[in-house]
Amino acid sequence: MKLPRRKFFRLAAGAAALPAMSRSAWAQSYPTRPVRILVGQAAGSGSDLVARLIGQFLSERLGQPFVIENRPGAAGNIATEVVVRSPPDGYTLLLANSSNAINATLYDRLNFDFIRDIAPIRGIASFSFVMEVNPSVATKTVPEFIAYAKANPGKINMASAGIGSPHHVSGELFKMMAGVDMVHVPYRGSTPALTDLLAGQVQVMFDATPSSLPHIRAGKLRPLAVTTATRLELMPDIPTVGDFVPGYEATAWLGFAAPKNTSTAIIDRLNKEINSAVSDSAIKARLIDLGGLVLPNSPADFGKFIADETEKWAKVIKFANIKPE
């Protein structure tokens, strides 16, 4: 039977639209079973806390459990590899963080390419570090500290949470941009590093704001500056490092990603729901309490942010000749 030309094109157009319509309908019904969120840090860490905060919201919003699965080890590379090797169906997600951008250069032989092998969903927030000293150090401002460090090259010990940690590279960026020589003292985590800073065994540290704030308020540590581009609501009287070292900015950040080739419809659905989570007044207040600043909210924005961070830390790692443990 020969179809009239107009009817043929109408039927063909309808058939072509079916896959797109079915994909959209599938995304609207997503998820139909539990979703895993892999976190490359231990339970109880800041990353874990944020993952559970957003995961609980998504569970209530979408009617399926968003289960947090902690896979610590290898600076987050273990969890990341599990996700990039998972089916791109939206049921295995990664809580990506700043270590992913650092690791891309720090490790020579990863079994994946982070930028190539993930699909960005949405950034959650960036978190400031605070540049702080033990009160025994006779400096009260960043310019005074720079002058002291230049007058005493190699005599200031800088603690960090480990080689290649965000704490470490934040300090190395400062050394590079301020032109000072400090001795890096790596620890296995920020807690022992902070303990030695409080005891005066080391003199300076770039530490996460939430863990240091109680000690700062108690007068046991002296804050010199925060590492974000703007001042923090939590510490409005503390200047930024960039006020004295133009262009300096260093943060730890968190966001969600999926395996590459995850459908755009599912990525957009998750992005929309995570936007709602970050806009929730209780979650927003909690992020601010942690010293967080909300990141750009589209998948493309988050992808560009990751690429920019990867390029930035690559320069620091190469300049400081940082090698993994």
Protein backbone atom coordinates (compact mmCIF):
# COMPACT_ATOMS: atom_id res chain seq x y z
CA MET A 1 0.00 0.00 0.00
CA LYS A 2 1.32 3.40 -0.95
CA LEU A 3 0.99 6.06 1.74
CA PRO A 4 0.33 9.67 0.84
CA ARG A 5 3.56 11.69 1.11
CA ARG A 6 2.29 13.93 3.97
CA LYS A 7 1.04 10.96 6.04
CA PHE A 8 4.36 9.12 5.52
CA PHE A 9 6.41 12.01 6.91
CA ARG A 10 4.02 12.41 9.84
CA LEU A 11 4.39 8.73 10.78
CA ALA A 12 8.18 8.85 10.31
CA ALA A 13 8.46 11.88 12.57
CA GLY A 14 6.39 10.14 15.21
CA ALA A 15 8.57 7.03 15.07
CA ALA A 16 11.75 9.10 15.39
CA ALA A 17 10.37 10.80 18.50
CA LEU A 18 9.65 7.51 20.28
CA PRO A 19 13.20 6.83 21.58
CA ALA A 20 13.50 10.35 22.96
CA MET A 21 10.07 10.11 24.56
CA SER A 22 10.88 6.72 26.12
CA ARG A 23 14.21 8.03 27.47
CA SER A 24 12.43 11.00 29.02
CA ALA A 25 9.75 8.78 30.53
CA TRP A 26 12.42 6.44 31.87
CA ALA A 27 14.22 9.35 33.52
CA GLN A 28 10.97 10.54 35.07
CA SER A 29 10.42 7.10 36.62
CA TYR A 30 14.06 6.93 37.83
CA PRO A 31 15.03 5.58 40.29
CA THR A 32 13.15 2.31 40.57
CA ARG A 33 15.65 0.70 42.97
CA PRO A 34 18.30 1.80 45.50
CA VAL A 35 21.10 4.07 44.32
CA ARG A 36 24.68 3.75 45.63
CA ILE A 37 26.74 6.84 46.43
CA LEU A 38 30.40 5.92 46.76
CA VAL A 39 32.52 8.06 49.09
CA GLY A 40 36.30 7.68 48.99
CA GLN A 41 36.69 8.82 52.59
CA ALA A 42 35.90 7.12 55.89
CA ALA A 43 32.56 7.22 57.68
CA GLY A 44 32.34 10.30 59.86
CA SER A 45 34.53 12.44 57.57
CA GLY A 46 33.31 15.75 56.19
CA SER A 47 32.75 14.16 52.79
CA ASP A 48 30.72 11.37 54.36
CA LEU A 49 28.62 13.90 56.29
CA VAL A 50 27.73 15.88 53.17
CA ALA A 51 26.99 12.71 51.18
CA ARG A 52 24.56 11.53 53.87
CA LEU A 53 22.96 14.96 54.10
CA ILE A 54 22.22 15.09 50.36
CA GLY A 55 21.51 11.34 50.12
CA GLN A 56 18.80 11.53 52.79
CA PHE A 57 17.14 14.41 50.95
CA LEU A 58 17.21 12.49 47.64
CA SER A 59 15.83 9.37 49.32
CA GLU A 60 12.85 11.30 50.67
CA ARG A 61 12.38 13.20 47.43
CA LEU A 62 12.65 10.30 44.98
CA GLY A 63 11.23 7.45 47.05
CA GLN A 64 14.23 5.12 46.81
CA PRO A 65 17.17 4.69 49.21
CA PHE A 66 20.36 6.56 48.29
CA VAL A 67 22.82 4.33 50.12
CA ILE A 68 26.21 5.72 51.18
CA GLU A 69 29.04 3.26 50.58
CA ASN A 70 32.39 4.26 52.06
CA ARG A 71 35.42 3.00 50.12
CA PRO A 72 38.40 4.84 51.66
CA GLY A 73 41.92 4.26 50.45
CA ALA A 74 44.42 5.46 47.83
CA ALA A 75 43.31 9.08 48.27
CA GLY A 76 39.85 8.29 46.93
CA ASN A 77 41.06 6.43 43.83
CA ILE A 78 39.50 3.11 44.92
CA ALA A 79 35.98 4.56 45.11
CA THR A 80 36.46 6.50 41.88
CA GLU A 81 37.53 3.41 39.94
CA VAL A 82 34.51 1.46 41.17
CA VAL A 83 32.22 4.19 39.83
CA VAL A 84 33.89 4.67 36.44
CA ARG A 85 33.74 0.88 35.89
CA SER A 86 30.02 0.70 36.82
CA PRO A 87 27.15 0.59 34.32
CA PRO A 88 26.10 4.12 33.27
CA ASP A 89 22.54 3.64 34.47
CA GLY A 90 22.33 6.19 37.28
CA TYR A 91 22.46 3.62 40.07
CA THR A 92 26.11 4.13 41.04
CA LEU A 93 27.22 7.70 41.78
CA LEU A 94 30.43 9.22 43.10
CA LEU A 95 30.84 11.94 45.67
CA ALA A 96 33.68 13.61 43.76
CA ASN A 97 36.07 15.90 45.61
CA SER A 98 39.17 18.02 45.24
CA SER A 99 41.42 14.98 45.63
CA ASN A 100 40.16 13.74 42.26
CA ALA A 101 41.55 16.88 40.59
CA ILE A 102 44.84 16.57 42.51
CA ASN A 103 45.24 12.83 41.85
CA ALA A 104 45.00 13.30 38.09
CA THR A 105 48.57 14.66 38.14
CA LEU A 106 49.89 13.24 41.42
CA TYR A 107 49.52 9.60 40.29
CA ASP A 108 51.23 8.55 37.06
CA ARG A 109 49.43 5.26 36.51
CA LEU A 110 45.77 5.51 37.38
CA ASN A 111 43.49 2.98 35.72
CA PHE A 112 41.15 5.76 34.61
CA ASP A 113 41.14 9.33 33.37
CA PHE A 114 38.89 11.23 35.78
CA ILE A 115 37.80 13.98 33.39
CA ARG A 116 37.26 11.55 30.50
CA ASP A 117 35.56 8.78 32.47
CA ILE A 118 33.00 10.64 34.57
CA ALA A 119 29.87 12.62 33.83
CA PRO A 120 29.59 15.69 36.10
CA ILE A 121 26.18 16.11 37.72
CA ARG A 122 26.48 19.05 40.10
CA GLY A 123 28.97 20.68 42.40
CA ILE A 124 27.78 20.94 45.99
CA ALA A 125 30.09 23.35 47.76
CA SER A 126 33.67 24.46 48.18
CA PHE A 127 35.11 24.61 51.68
CA SER A 128 37.73 27.02 52.92
CA PHE A 129 40.93 26.20 54.71
CA VAL A 130 42.26 28.53 57.35
CA MET A 131 45.93 29.44 57.43
CA GLU A 132 46.74 29.21 61.13
CA VAL A 133 49.76 29.23 63.39
CA ASN A 134 50.58 28.12 66.88
CA PRO A 135 50.43 31.19 69.19
CA SER A 136 54.15 30.79 69.89
CA VAL A 137 54.83 32.05 66.34
CA ALA A 138 55.38 35.79 66.61
CA THR A 139 53.31 36.78 63.57
CA LYS A 140 49.73 38.04 63.50
CA THR A 141 49.20 38.77 59.81
CA VAL A 142 50.05 37.16 56.49
CA PRO A 143 52.56 39.89 55.55
CA GLU A 144 54.30 39.44 58.92
CA PHE A 145 54.37 35.67 58.38
CA ILE A 146 55.86 36.03 54.88
CA ALA A 147 58.55 38.37 56.20
CA TYR A 148 59.32 35.97 59.06
CA ALA A 149 59.48 32.97 56.70
CA LYS A 150 61.82 34.79 54.30
CA ALA A 151 64.07 35.74 57.21
CA ASN A 152 64.09 32.11 58.40
CA PRO A 153 64.13 29.91 55.28
CA GLY A 154 63.63 26.21 55.97
CA LYS A 155 62.99 26.77 59.67
CA ILE A 156 59.18 26.78 59.65
CA ASN A 157 57.43 23.39 59.72
CA MET A 158 54.17 23.18 57.79
CA ALA A 159 51.85 20.33 58.79
CA SER A 160 49.41 18.64 56.44
CA ALA A 161 47.01 15.70 56.35
CA GLY A 162 49.37 13.82 54.03
CA ILE A 163 51.35 14.09 50.83
CA GLY A 164 49.12 15.35 48.03
CA SER A 165 46.22 16.13 50.37
CA PRO A 166 44.26 19.35 49.75
CA HIS A 167 45.87 20.71 52.94
CA HIS A 168 49.32 20.00 51.48
CA VAL A 169 48.79 21.50 48.02
CA SER A 170 47.13 24.57 49.55
CA GLY A 171 50.32 25.15 51.51
CA GLU A 172 52.51 24.47 48.48
CA LEU A 173 50.48 26.98 46.45
CA PHE A 174 51.17 29.55 49.18
CA LYS A 175 54.88 28.74 49.17
CA MET A 176 54.97 29.07 45.39
CA MET A 177 53.06 32.34 45.19
CA ALA A 178 54.57 34.01 48.30
CA GLY A 179 58.11 32.85 47.53
CA VAL A 180 58.79 31.31 50.93
CA ASP A 181 60.62 28.15 51.99
CA MET A 182 58.87 25.97 54.58
CA VAL A 183 59.46 22.34 55.52
CA HIS A 184 56.48 20.11 54.77
CA VAL A 185 55.63 17.64 57.55
CA PRO A 186 53.00 15.14 56.35
CA TYR A 187 50.76 13.23 58.77
CA ARG A 188 48.30 10.41 58.29
CA GLY A 189 45.23 12.58 58.46
CA SER A 190 44.41 16.07 59.68
CA THR A 191 43.74 15.07 63.31
CA PRO A 192 47.33 14.11 64.24
CA ALA A 193 48.61 17.13 62.28
CA LEU A 194 46.32 19.43 64.23
CA THR A 195 47.38 17.79 67.51
CA ASP A 196 51.03 18.58 66.82
CA LEU A 197 50.18 22.13 65.72
CA LEU A 198 48.40 22.69 69.03
CA ALA A 199 51.43 21.29 70.87
CA GLY A 200 53.85 23.54 68.96
CA GLN A 201 55.69 20.66 67.27
CA VAL A 202 54.90 22.33 63.93
CA GLN A 203 54.26 26.01 63.37
CA VAL A 204 51.71 26.45 60.59
CA MET A 205 48.93 24.52 58.89
CA PHE A 206 46.29 25.04 56.23
CA ASP A 207 43.41 23.19 57.88
CA ALA A 208 39.71 22.71 57.22
CA THR A 209 37.68 25.39 58.95
CA PRO A 210 35.27 23.14 60.95
CA SER A 211 38.04 21.19 62.71
CA SER A 212 40.08 24.27 63.58
CA LEU A 213 37.31 26.71 64.54
CA PRO A 214 36.86 25.44 68.14
CA HIS A 215 40.62 25.81 68.78
CA ILE A 216 40.65 29.27 67.21
CA ARG A 217 37.75 30.40 69.38
CA ALA A 218 39.51 29.00 72.45
CA GLY A 219 42.64 31.01 71.60
CA LYS A 220 44.75 27.88 71.10
CA LEU A 221 45.44 28.67 67.44
CA ARG A 222 45.89 32.02 65.69
CA PRO A 223 44.15 32.40 62.32
CA LEU A 224 46.00 34.53 59.79
CA ALA A 225 43.66 34.20 56.81
CA VAL A 226 41.12 32.03 55.03
CA THR A 227 41.92 30.52 51.66
CA THR A 228 38.71 31.31 49.78
CA ALA A 229 38.41 34.28 47.41
CA THR A 230 36.01 36.01 49.81
CA ARG A 231 35.67 36.16 53.58
CA LEU A 232 33.58 33.57 55.40
CA GLU A 233 30.32 34.23 57.21
CA LEU A 234 31.70 32.13 60.07
CA MET A 235 34.83 34.26 60.40
CA PRO A 236 33.96 37.69 58.97
CA ASP A 237 36.88 39.46 60.66
CA ILE A 238 39.52 37.15 59.17
CA PRO A 239 40.98 38.36 55.84
CA THR A 240 41.67 36.16 52.84
CA VAL A 241 45.16 35.05 51.82
CA GLY A 242 44.40 36.69 48.48
CA ASP A 243 44.17 40.08 50.19
CA PHE A 244 47.97 39.87 50.58
CA VAL A 245 48.98 37.33 47.91
CA PRO A 246 46.96 38.42 44.87
CA GLY A 247 45.28 35.56 43.02
CA TYR A 248 45.70 33.01 45.80
CA GLU A 249 42.67 30.76 46.30
CA ALA A 250 42.51 27.17 47.56
CA THR A 251 39.50 25.13 48.60
CA ALA A 252 38.35 21.61 49.19
CA TRP A 253 35.20 20.88 47.24
CA LEU A 254 32.52 18.24 46.83
CA GLY A 255 30.08 17.35 44.07
CA PHE A 256 28.28 14.47 42.41
CA ALA A 257 29.34 12.58 39.30
CA ALA A 258 28.27 9.46 37.42
CA PRO A 259 30.01 7.09 34.98
CA LYS A 260 30.50 8.52 31.49
CA ASN A 261 27.70 7.76 29.00
CA THR A 262 25.04 8.07 31.70
CA SER A 263 22.03 9.45 29.85
CA THR A 264 21.58 13.21 29.75
CA ALA A 265 18.00 12.73 30.95
CA ILE A 266 19.16 11.05 34.18
CA ILE A 267 21.98 13.55 34.69
CA ASP A 268 19.51 16.41 34.32
CA ARG A 269 17.02 14.74 36.68
CA LEU A 270 19.68 14.30 39.36
CA ASN A 271 20.96 17.83 38.81
CA LYS A 272 17.46 19.22 39.32
CA GLU A 273 16.90 17.26 42.53
CA ILE A 274 20.33 18.09 43.97
CA ASN A 275 19.64 21.76 43.18
CA SER A 276 16.54 21.43 45.35
CA ALA A 277 18.62 19.83 48.11
CA VAL A 278 21.20 22.61 48.12
CA SER A 279 18.40 25.20 48.10
CA ASP A 280 16.78 23.60 51.16
CA SER A 281 17.17 26.02 54.09
CA ALA A 282 18.32 23.35 56.57
CA ILE A 283 20.93 21.89 54.20
CA LYS A 284 22.14 25.34 53.16
CA ALA A 285 22.56 26.33 56.82
CA ARG A 286 24.51 23.14 57.51
CA LEU A 287 26.85 23.78 54.57
CA ILE A 288 27.48 27.32 55.83
CA ASP A 289 28.23 25.90 59.30
CA LEU A 290 30.89 23.77 57.64
CA GLY A 291 32.38 26.84 55.97
CA GLY A 292 30.91 25.93 52.59
CA LEU A 293 30.21 28.15 49.57
CA VAL A 294 27.73 26.75 47.03
CA LEU A 295 29.28 25.82 43.67
CA PRO A 296 27.84 26.49 40.16
CA ASN A 297 24.86 24.30 39.52
CA SER A 298 24.80 22.94 35.94
CA PRO A 299 26.61 19.79 34.79
CA ALA A 300 28.59 21.88 32.28
CA ASP A 301 29.57 24.40 34.97
CA PHE A 302 30.76 21.62 37.27
CA GLY A 303 32.68 19.97 34.44
CA LYS A 304 34.51 23.23 33.69
CA PHE A 305 35.21 23.73 37.40
CA ILE A 306 36.78 20.24 37.64
CA ALA A 307 38.91 20.88 34.54
CA ASP A 308 40.11 24.22 35.91
CA GLU A 309 40.97 22.69 39.30
CA THR A 310 42.84 19.82 37.64
CA GLU A 311 44.95 22.26 35.61
CA LYS A 312 45.61 24.47 38.63
CA TRP A 313 46.85 21.69 40.91
CA ALA A 314 48.89 20.13 38.10
CA LYS A 315 51.01 23.29 38.03
CA VAL A 316 51.52 23.23 41.80
CA ILE A 317 52.38 19.51 41.91
CA LYS A 318 54.93 19.89 39.11
CA PHE A 319 56.43 23.06 40.60
CA ALA A 320 56.82 21.48 44.07
CA ASN A 321 57.82 18.09 42.59
CA ILE A 322 55.28 16.31 44.81
CA LYS A 323 55.38 12.51 44.63
CA PRO A 324 52.78 10.17 46.17
CA GLU A 325 53.63 8.07 49.20
